[in-house]
Amino acid sequence: MQDILIQALTLAYGSTGIVGVAAYWPTIKDLWRGKPSANVSSYFIWVATNGITWLYGLLILKDIPFIFVSSLYLFANGLTLFMRLRLRKK
């Protein structure tokens, strides 16, 4: 029973990364269309903290689901920051 619970929780945790990244879609879509809808300082902080989280998972935890989820968040935050900075230059 405990093994089933752990597997279910691992699957649920992995899916939260996908759902969380999907939540970035409206912001990414706005930036793609040229609407400056993202706060640059917030995304700098999020990229930095997600980068640390990702490194912690990669180097300390060595836990594949954790690394996967943190990679998704780091990618979504990094993409949003990059697009917002690119838009600022125009």
PDB file of N, CA and C in Angstrom:
ATOM      1  N   MET A   1       0.828  -1.200   0.000  1.00  0.00           N
ATOM      2  CA  MET A   1       0.000   0.000   0.000  1.00  0.00           C
ATOM      3  C   MET A   1       0.872   1.265   0.000  1.00  0.00           C
ATOM      4  N   GLN A   2       1.937   1.228   0.785  1.00  0.00           N
ATOM      5  CA  GLN A   2       2.811   2.392   0.865  1.00  0.00           C
ATOM      6  C   GLN A   2       3.513   2.642  -0.480  1.00  0.00           C
ATOM      7  N   ASP A   3       3.891   1.587  -1.177  1.00  0.00           N
ATOM      8  CA  ASP A   3       4.523   1.730  -2.487  1.00  0.00           C
ATOM      9  C   ASP A   3       3.588   2.403  -3.491  1.00  0.00           C
ATOM     10  N   ILE A   4       2.325   2.036  -3.452  1.00  0.00           N
ATOM     11  CA  ILE A   4       1.340   2.641  -4.358  1.00  0.00           C
ATOM     12  C   ILE A   4       1.183   4.123  -4.043  1.00  0.00           C
ATOM     13  N   LEU A   5       1.134   4.465  -2.769  1.00  0.00           N
ATOM     14  CA  LEU A   5       1.018   5.863  -2.363  1.00  0.00           C
ATOM     15  C   LEU A   5       2.238   6.657  -2.821  1.00  0.00           C
ATOM     16  N   ILE A   6       3.419   6.108  -2.662  1.00  0.00           N
ATOM     17  CA  ILE A   6       4.646   6.794  -3.083  1.00  0.00           C
ATOM     18  C   ILE A   6       4.661   6.973  -4.598  1.00  0.00           C
ATOM     19  N   GLN A   7       4.274   5.962  -5.340  1.00  0.00           N
ATOM     20  CA  GLN A   7       4.224   6.078  -6.798  1.00  0.00           C
ATOM     21  C   GLN A   7       3.195   7.111  -7.234  1.00  0.00           C
ATOM     22  N   ALA A   8       2.049   7.114  -6.589  1.00  0.00           N
ATOM     23  CA  ALA A   8       1.005   8.088  -6.928  1.00  0.00           C
ATOM     24  C   ALA A   8       1.470   9.505  -6.614  1.00  0.00           C
ATOM     25  N   LEU A   9       2.126   9.677  -5.480  1.00  0.00           N
ATOM     26  CA  LEU A   9       2.627  10.989  -5.104  1.00  0.00           C
ATOM     27  C   LEU A   9       3.734  11.448  -6.055  1.00  0.00           C
ATOM     28  N   THR A  10       4.596  10.546  -6.474  1.00  0.00           N
ATOM     29  CA  THR A  10       5.651  10.877  -7.434  1.00  0.00           C
ATOM     30  C   THR A  10       5.046  11.311  -8.765  1.00  0.00           C
ATOM     31  N   LEU A  11       4.049  10.595  -9.234  1.00  0.00           N
ATOM     32  CA  LEU A  11       3.366  10.968 -10.470  1.00  0.00           C
ATOM     33  C   LEU A  11       2.669  12.318 -10.330  1.00  0.00           C
ATOM     34  N   ALA A  12       2.000  12.526  -9.207  1.00  0.00           N
ATOM     35  CA  ALA A  12       1.313  13.800  -8.970  1.00  0.00           C
ATOM     36  C   ALA A  12       2.314  14.949  -8.925  1.00  0.00           C
ATOM     37  N   TYR A  13       3.456  14.737  -8.272  1.00  0.00           N
ATOM     38  CA  TYR A  13       4.481  15.774  -8.200  1.00  0.00           C
ATOM     39  C   TYR A  13       5.005  16.107  -9.592  1.00  0.00           C
ATOM     40  N   GLY A  14       5.270  15.104 -10.388  1.00  0.00           N
ATOM     41  CA  GLY A  14       5.733  15.336 -11.753  1.00  0.00           C
ATOM     42  C   GLY A  14       4.729  16.112 -12.586  1.00  0.00           C
ATOM     43  N   SER A  15       3.468  15.828 -12.401  1.00  0.00           N
ATOM     44  CA  SER A  15       2.440  16.523 -13.175  1.00  0.00           C
ATOM     45  C   SER A  15       2.257  17.967 -12.727  1.00  0.00           C
ATOM     46  N   THR A  16       2.610  18.304 -11.474  1.00  0.00           N
ATOM     47  CA  THR A  16       2.490  19.701 -11.038  1.00  0.00           C
ATOM     48  C   THR A  16       3.435  20.594 -11.833  1.00  0.00           C
ATOM     49  N   GLY A  17       4.575  20.062 -12.234  1.00  0.00           N
ATOM     50  CA  GLY A  17       5.492  20.846 -13.061  1.00  0.00           C
ATOM     51  C   GLY A  17       4.885  21.171 -14.408  1.00  0.00           C
ATOM     52  N   ILE A  18       4.229  20.219 -15.001  1.00  0.00           N
ATOM     53  CA  ILE A  18       3.599  20.434 -16.303  1.00  0.00           C
ATOM     54  C   ILE A  18       2.446  21.427 -16.176  1.00  0.00           C
ATOM     55  N   VAL A  19       1.641  21.270 -15.157  1.00  0.00           N
ATOM     56  CA  VAL A  19       0.522  22.193 -14.927  1.00  0.00           C
ATOM     57  C   VAL A  19       1.049  23.598 -14.614  1.00  0.00           C
ATOM     58  N   GLY A  20       2.096  23.666 -13.791  1.00  0.00           N
ATOM     59  CA  GLY A  20       2.676  24.965 -13.440  1.00  0.00           C
ATOM     60  C   GLY A  20       3.236  25.688 -14.652  1.00  0.00           C
ATOM     61  N   VAL A  21       3.911  24.966 -15.515  1.00  0.00           N
ATOM     62  CA  VAL A  21       4.460  25.575 -16.727  1.00  0.00           C
ATOM     63  C   VAL A  21       3.329  26.018 -17.653  1.00  0.00           C
ATOM     64  N   ALA A  22       2.262  25.260 -17.719  1.00  0.00           N
ATOM     65  CA  ALA A  22       1.108  25.657 -18.536  1.00  0.00           C
ATOM     66  C   ALA A  22       0.538  26.994 -18.060  1.00  0.00           C
ATOM     67  N   ALA A  23       0.687  27.284 -16.782  1.00  0.00           N
ATOM     68  CA  ALA A  23       0.192  28.554 -16.246  1.00  0.00           C
ATOM     69  C   ALA A  23       0.991  29.744 -16.790  1.00  0.00           C
ATOM     70  N   TYR A  24       2.208  29.500 -17.272  1.00  0.00           N
ATOM     71  CA  TYR A  24       3.010  30.571 -17.870  1.00  0.00           C
ATOM     72  C   TYR A  24       2.565  30.897 -19.287  1.00  0.00           C
ATOM     73  N   TRP A  25       1.807  30.021 -19.903  1.00  0.00           N
ATOM     74  CA  TRP A  25       1.432  30.200 -21.302  1.00  0.00           C
ATOM     75  C   TRP A  25       0.788  31.553 -21.604  1.00  0.00           C
ATOM     76  N   PRO A  26      -0.167  32.046 -20.818  1.00  0.00           N
ATOM     77  CA  PRO A  26      -0.753  33.355 -21.143  1.00  0.00           C
ATOM     78  C   PRO A  26       0.285  34.481 -21.163  1.00  0.00           C
ATOM     79  N   THR A  27       1.230  34.463 -20.240  1.00  0.00           N
ATOM     80  CA  THR A  27       2.263  35.492 -20.210  1.00  0.00           C
ATOM     81  C   THR A  27       3.184  35.361 -21.416  1.00  0.00           C
ATOM     82  N   ILE A  28       3.591  34.131 -21.732  1.00  0.00           N
ATOM     83  CA  ILE A  28       4.458  33.909 -22.887  1.00  0.00           C
ATOM     84  C   ILE A  28       3.742  34.319 -24.171  1.00  0.00           C
ATOM     85  N   LYS A  29       2.468  34.005 -24.268  1.00  0.00           N
ATOM     86  CA  LYS A  29       1.677  34.377 -25.450  1.00  0.00           C
ATOM     87  C   LYS A  29       1.600  35.904 -25.581  1.00  0.00           C
ATOM     88  N   ASP A  30       1.362  36.608 -24.470  1.00  0.00           N
ATOM     89  CA  ASP A  30       1.316  38.077 -24.507  1.00  0.00           C
ATOM     90  C   ASP A  30       2.657  38.654 -24.951  1.00  0.00           C
ATOM     91  N   LEU A  31       3.733  38.113 -24.412  1.00  0.00           N
ATOM     92  CA  LEU A  31       5.058  38.612 -24.786  1.00  0.00           C
ATOM     93  C   LEU A  31       5.355  38.330 -26.258  1.00  0.00           C
ATOM     94  N   TRP A  32       4.934  37.185 -26.737  1.00  0.00           N
ATOM     95  CA  TRP A  32       5.129  36.841 -28.151  1.00  0.00           C
ATOM     96  C   TRP A  32       4.414  37.851 -29.051  1.00  0.00           C
ATOM     97  N   ARG A  33       3.267  38.312 -28.592  1.00  0.00           N
ATOM     98  CA  ARG A  33       2.480  39.282 -29.356  1.00  0.00           C
ATOM     99  C   ARG A  33       2.922  40.724 -29.122  1.00  0.00           C
ATOM    100  N   GLY A  34       3.934  40.919 -28.275  1.00  0.00           N
ATOM    101  CA  GLY A  34       4.477  42.257 -28.056  1.00  0.00           C
ATOM    102  C   GLY A  34       3.861  43.026 -26.914  1.00  0.00           C
ATOM    103  N   LYS A  35       3.093  42.372 -26.070  1.00  0.00           N
ATOM    104  CA  LYS A  35       2.498  43.033 -24.908  1.00  0.00           C
ATOM    105  C   LYS A  35       3.427  42.836 -23.699  1.00  0.00           C
ATOM    106  N   PRO A  36       3.937  43.918 -23.125  1.00  0.00           N
ATOM    107  CA  PRO A  36       4.858  43.780 -21.980  1.00  0.00           C
ATOM    108  C   PRO A  36       4.103  43.462 -20.684  1.00  0.00           C
ATOM    109  N   SER A  37       3.705  42.211 -20.512  1.00  0.00           N
ATOM    110  CA  SER A  37       2.867  41.852 -19.371  1.00  0.00           C
ATOM    111  C   SER A  37       3.638  41.249 -18.203  1.00  0.00           C
ATOM    112  N   ALA A  38       4.966  41.185 -18.281  1.00  0.00           N
ATOM    113  CA  ALA A  38       5.727  40.531 -17.220  1.00  0.00           C
ATOM    114  C   ALA A  38       6.632  41.544 -16.526  1.00  0.00           C
ATOM    115  N   ASN A  39       6.696  41.439 -15.209  1.00  0.00           N
ATOM    116  CA  ASN A  39       7.558  42.284 -14.405  1.00  0.00           C
ATOM    117  C   ASN A  39       8.978  41.710 -14.446  1.00  0.00           C
ATOM    118  N   VAL A  40       9.923  42.474 -14.971  1.00  0.00           N
ATOM    119  CA  VAL A  40      11.280  41.986 -15.179  1.00  0.00           C
ATOM    120  C   VAL A  40      11.962  41.604 -13.869  1.00  0.00           C
ATOM    121  N   SER A  41      11.845  42.423 -12.842  1.00  0.00           N
ATOM    122  CA  SER A  41      12.544  42.122 -11.583  1.00  0.00           C
ATOM    123  C   SER A  41      12.017  40.837 -10.947  1.00  0.00           C
ATOM    124  N   SER A  42      10.743  40.589 -11.048  1.00  0.00           N
ATOM    125  CA  SER A  42      10.189  39.344 -10.508  1.00  0.00           C
ATOM    126  C   SER A  42      10.764  38.138 -11.244  1.00  0.00           C
ATOM    127  N   TYR A  43      10.860  38.227 -12.562  1.00  0.00           N
ATOM    128  CA  TYR A  43      11.386  37.097 -13.317  1.00  0.00           C
ATOM    129  C   TYR A  43      12.880  36.901 -13.114  1.00  0.00           C
ATOM    130  N   PHE A  44      13.640  37.962 -12.870  1.00  0.00           N
ATOM    131  CA  PHE A  44      15.050  37.796 -12.498  1.00  0.00           C
ATOM    132  C   PHE A  44      15.159  36.986 -11.211  1.00  0.00           C
ATOM    133  N   ILE A  45      14.356  37.341 -10.226  1.00  0.00           N
ATOM    134  CA  ILE A  45      14.381  36.634  -8.935  1.00  0.00           C
ATOM    135  C   ILE A  45      13.946  35.189  -9.116  1.00  0.00           C
ATOM    136  N   TRP A  46      12.888  34.951  -9.878  1.00  0.00           N
ATOM    137  CA  TRP A  46      12.400  33.596 -10.086  1.00  0.00           C
ATOM    138  C   TRP A  46      13.403  32.737 -10.849  1.00  0.00           C
ATOM    139  N   VAL A  47      14.063  33.324 -11.845  1.00  0.00           N
ATOM    140  CA  VAL A  47      15.075  32.567 -12.586  1.00  0.00           C
ATOM    141  C   VAL A  47      16.233  32.207 -11.651  1.00  0.00           C
ATOM    142  N   ALA A  48      16.664  33.154 -10.845  1.00  0.00           N
ATOM    143  CA  ALA A  48      17.770  32.888  -9.917  1.00  0.00           C
ATOM    144  C   ALA A  48      17.398  31.810  -8.901  1.00  0.00           C
ATOM    145  N   THR A  49      16.228  31.929  -8.290  1.00  0.00           N
ATOM    146  CA  THR A  49      15.839  30.942  -7.274  1.00  0.00           C
ATOM    147  C   THR A  49      15.562  29.577  -7.902  1.00  0.00           C
ATOM    148  N   ASN A  50      14.967  29.554  -9.080  1.00  0.00           N
ATOM    149  CA  ASN A  50      14.752  28.275  -9.761  1.00  0.00           C
ATOM    150  C   ASN A  50      16.064  27.660 -10.219  1.00  0.00           C
ATOM    151  N   GLY A  51      17.010  28.497 -10.603  1.00  0.00           N
ATOM    152  CA  GLY A  51      18.326  27.985 -10.967  1.00  0.00           C
ATOM    153  C   GLY A  51      19.012  27.318  -9.777  1.00  0.00           C
ATOM    154  N   ILE A  52      18.920  27.923  -8.617  1.00  0.00           N
ATOM    155  CA  ILE A  52      19.486  27.331  -7.400  1.00  0.00           C
ATOM    156  C   ILE A  52      18.757  26.035  -7.055  1.00  0.00           C
ATOM    157  N   THR A  53      17.451  26.045  -7.162  1.00  0.00           N
ATOM    158  CA  THR A  53      16.665  24.842  -6.888  1.00  0.00           C
ATOM    159  C   THR A  53      17.056  23.714  -7.829  1.00  0.00           C
ATOM    160  N   TRP A  54      17.212  24.039  -9.116  1.00  0.00           N
ATOM    161  CA  TRP A  54      17.598  23.043 -10.104  1.00  0.00           C
ATOM    162  C   TRP A  54      18.982  22.466  -9.796  1.00  0.00           C
ATOM    163  N   LEU A  55      19.931  23.343  -9.471  1.00  0.00           N
ATOM    164  CA  LEU A  55      21.274  22.878  -9.120  1.00  0.00           C
ATOM    165  C   LEU A  55      21.251  22.006  -7.867  1.00  0.00           C
ATOM    166  N   TYR A  56      20.448  22.375  -6.887  1.00  0.00           N
ATOM    167  CA  TYR A  56      20.316  21.582  -5.665  1.00  0.00           C
ATOM    168  C   TYR A  56      19.788  20.185  -6.002  1.00  0.00           C
ATOM    169  N   GLY A  57      18.784  20.126  -6.844  1.00  0.00           N
ATOM    170  CA  GLY A  57      18.241  18.835  -7.251  1.00  0.00           C
ATOM    171  C   GLY A  57      19.252  18.011  -8.022  1.00  0.00           C
ATOM    172  N   LEU A  58      19.987  18.677  -8.919  1.00  0.00           N
ATOM    173  CA  LEU A  58      20.955  17.980  -9.759  1.00  0.00           C
ATOM    174  C   LEU A  58      22.170  17.487  -8.966  1.00  0.00           C
ATOM    175  N   LEU A  59      22.711  18.343  -8.118  1.00  0.00           N
ATOM    176  CA  LEU A  59      23.969  18.030  -7.448  1.00  0.00           C
ATOM    177  C   LEU A  59      23.809  17.399  -6.069  1.00  0.00           C
ATOM    178  N   ILE A  60      22.741  17.727  -5.365  1.00  0.00           N
ATOM    179  CA  ILE A  60      22.567  17.235  -3.996  1.00  0.00           C
ATOM    180  C   ILE A  60      21.553  16.093  -3.937  1.00  0.00           C
ATOM    181  N   LEU A  61      20.328  16.367  -4.386  1.00  0.00           N
ATOM    182  CA  LEU A  61      19.267  15.356  -4.274  1.00  0.00           C
ATOM    183  C   LEU A  61      19.432  14.214  -5.273  1.00  0.00           C
ATOM    184  N   LYS A  62      19.806  14.561  -6.488  1.00  0.00           N
ATOM    185  CA  LYS A  62      19.922  13.578  -7.580  1.00  0.00           C
ATOM    186  C   LYS A  62      18.637  12.784  -7.761  1.00  0.00           C
ATOM    187  N   ASP A  63      17.533  13.532  -7.685  1.00  0.00           N
ATOM    188  CA  ASP A  63      16.193  12.960  -7.783  1.00  0.00           C
ATOM    189  C   ASP A  63      15.598  13.358  -9.125  1.00  0.00           C
ATOM    190  N   ILE A  64      15.370  12.395  -9.994  1.00  0.00           N
ATOM    191  CA  ILE A  64      14.944  12.666 -11.371  1.00  0.00           C
ATOM    192  C   ILE A  64      13.619  13.434 -11.448  1.00  0.00           C
ATOM    193  N   PRO A  65      12.562  13.031 -10.724  1.00  0.00           N
ATOM    194  CA  PRO A  65      11.323  13.823 -10.811  1.00  0.00           C
ATOM    195  C   PRO A  65      11.516  15.272 -10.353  1.00  0.00           C
ATOM    196  N   PHE A  66      12.290  15.465  -9.294  1.00  0.00           N
ATOM    197  CA  PHE A  66      12.542  16.822  -8.799  1.00  0.00           C
ATOM    198  C   PHE A  66      13.314  17.627  -9.839  1.00  0.00           C
ATOM    199  N   ILE A  67      14.321  17.027 -10.439  1.00  0.00           N
ATOM    200  CA  ILE A  67      15.112  17.711 -11.459  1.00  0.00           C
ATOM    201  C   ILE A  67      14.233  18.051 -12.665  1.00  0.00           C
ATOM    202  N   PHE A  68      13.376  17.131 -13.055  1.00  0.00           N
ATOM    203  CA  PHE A  68      12.471  17.361 -14.184  1.00  0.00           C
ATOM    204  C   PHE A  68      11.554  18.551 -13.925  1.00  0.00           C
ATOM    205  N   VAL A  69      10.908  18.558 -12.763  1.00  0.00           N
ATOM    206  CA  VAL A  69       9.975  19.635 -12.435  1.00  0.00           C
ATOM    207  C   VAL A  69      10.705  20.967 -12.331  1.00  0.00           C
ATOM    208  N   SER A  70      11.832  20.990 -11.643  1.00  0.00           N
ATOM    209  CA  SER A  70      12.561  22.250 -11.503  1.00  0.00           C
ATOM    210  C   SER A  70      13.107  22.719 -12.850  1.00  0.00           C
ATOM    211  N   SER A  71      13.430  21.798 -13.752  1.00  0.00           N
ATOM    212  CA  SER A  71      13.874  22.172 -15.095  1.00  0.00           C
ATOM    213  C   SER A  71      12.744  22.847 -15.871  1.00  0.00           C
ATOM    214  N   LEU A  72      11.539  22.324 -15.733  1.00  0.00           N
ATOM    215  CA  LEU A  72      10.392  22.937 -16.415  1.00  0.00           C
ATOM    216  C   LEU A  72      10.159  24.367 -15.931  1.00  0.00           C
ATOM    217  N   TYR A  73      10.196  24.552 -14.613  1.00  0.00           N
ATOM    218  CA  TYR A  73      10.001  25.899 -14.059  1.00  0.00           C
ATOM    219  C   TYR A  73      11.125  26.836 -14.482  1.00  0.00           C
ATOM    220  N   LEU A  74      12.351  26.351 -14.452  1.00  0.00           N
ATOM    221  CA  LEU A  74      13.486  27.178 -14.857  1.00  0.00           C
ATOM    222  C   LEU A  74      13.357  27.571 -16.327  1.00  0.00           C
ATOM    223  N   PHE A  75      12.968  26.643 -17.167  1.00  0.00           N
ATOM    224  CA  PHE A  75      12.782  26.947 -18.588  1.00  0.00           C
ATOM    225  C   PHE A  75      11.684  27.985 -18.793  1.00  0.00           C
ATOM    226  N   ALA A  76      10.537  27.798 -18.144  1.00  0.00           N
ATOM    227  CA  ALA A  76       9.411  28.724 -18.316  1.00  0.00           C
ATOM    228  C   ALA A  76       9.767  30.122 -17.824  1.00  0.00           C
ATOM    229  N   ASN A  77      10.403  30.197 -16.664  1.00  0.00           N
ATOM    230  CA  ASN A  77      10.812  31.502 -16.141  1.00  0.00           C
ATOM    231  C   ASN A  77      11.884  32.139 -17.018  1.00  0.00           C
ATOM    232  N   GLY A  78      12.851  31.344 -17.446  1.00  0.00           N
ATOM    233  CA  GLY A  78      13.905  31.874 -18.301  1.00  0.00           C
ATOM    234  C   GLY A  78      13.374  32.366 -19.634  1.00  0.00           C
ATOM    235  N   LEU A  79      12.469  31.606 -20.229  1.00  0.00           N
ATOM    236  CA  LEU A  79      11.869  32.018 -21.493  1.00  0.00           C
ATOM    237  C   LEU A  79      11.087  33.319 -21.332  1.00  0.00           C
ATOM    238  N   THR A  80      10.324  33.422 -20.269  1.00  0.00           N
ATOM    239  CA  THR A  80       9.545  34.633 -20.023  1.00  0.00           C
ATOM    240  C   THR A  80      10.460  35.838 -19.820  1.00  0.00           C
ATOM    241  N   LEU A  81      11.507  35.662 -19.027  1.00  0.00           N
ATOM    242  CA  LEU A  81      12.457  36.750 -18.797  1.00  0.00           C
ATOM    243  C   LEU A  81      13.134  37.149 -20.107  1.00  0.00           C
ATOM    244  N   PHE A  82      13.597  36.174 -20.873  1.00  0.00           N
ATOM    245  CA  PHE A  82      14.259  36.460 -22.147  1.00  0.00           C
ATOM    246  C   PHE A  82      13.328  37.229 -23.081  1.00  0.00           C
ATOM    247  N   MET A  83      12.090  36.781 -23.197  1.00  0.00           N
ATOM    248  CA  MET A  83      11.145  37.441 -24.097  1.00  0.00           C
ATOM    249  C   MET A  83      10.834  38.855 -23.628  1.00  0.00           C
ATOM    250  N   ARG A  84      10.720  39.041 -22.314  1.00  0.00           N
ATOM    251  CA  ARG A  84      10.425  40.372 -21.767  1.00  0.00           C
ATOM    252  C   ARG A  84      11.599  41.323 -22.000  1.00  0.00           C
ATOM    253  N   LEU A  85      12.829  40.832 -21.803  1.00  0.00           N
ATOM    254  CA  LEU A  85      14.000  41.675 -22.043  1.00  0.00           C
ATOM    255  C   LEU A  85      14.142  42.010 -23.522  1.00  0.00           C
ATOM    256  N   ARG A  86      13.848  41.053 -24.379  1.00  0.00           N
ATOM    257  CA  ARG A  86      13.892  41.295 -25.823  1.00  0.00           C
ATOM    258  C   ARG A  86      12.873  42.362 -26.224  1.00  0.00           C
ATOM    259  N   LEU A  87      11.698  42.302 -25.615  1.00  0.00           N
ATOM    260  CA  LEU A  87      10.646  43.268 -25.907  1.00  0.00           C
ATOM    261  C   LEU A  87      11.040  44.655 -25.417  1.00  0.00           C
ATOM    262  N   ARG A  88      11.741  44.723 -24.299  1.00  0.00           N
ATOM    263  CA  ARG A  88      12.168  46.011 -23.735  1.00  0.00           C
ATOM    264  C   ARG A  88      13.138  46.719 -24.666  1.00  0.00           C
ATOM    265  N   LYS A  89      13.968  45.973 -25.390  1.00  0.00           N
ATOM    266  CA  LYS A  89      14.953  46.563 -26.284  1.00  0.00           C
ATOM    267  C   LYS A  89      14.320  47.210 -27.506  1.00  0.00           C
ATOM    268  N   LYS A  90      13.121  46.787 -27.877  1.00  0.00           N
ATOM    269  CA  LYS A  90      12.466  47.312 -29.084  1.00  0.00           C
ATOM    270  C   LYS A  90      11.934  48.697 -28.856  1.00  0.00           C
TER     271      LYS A  90
END
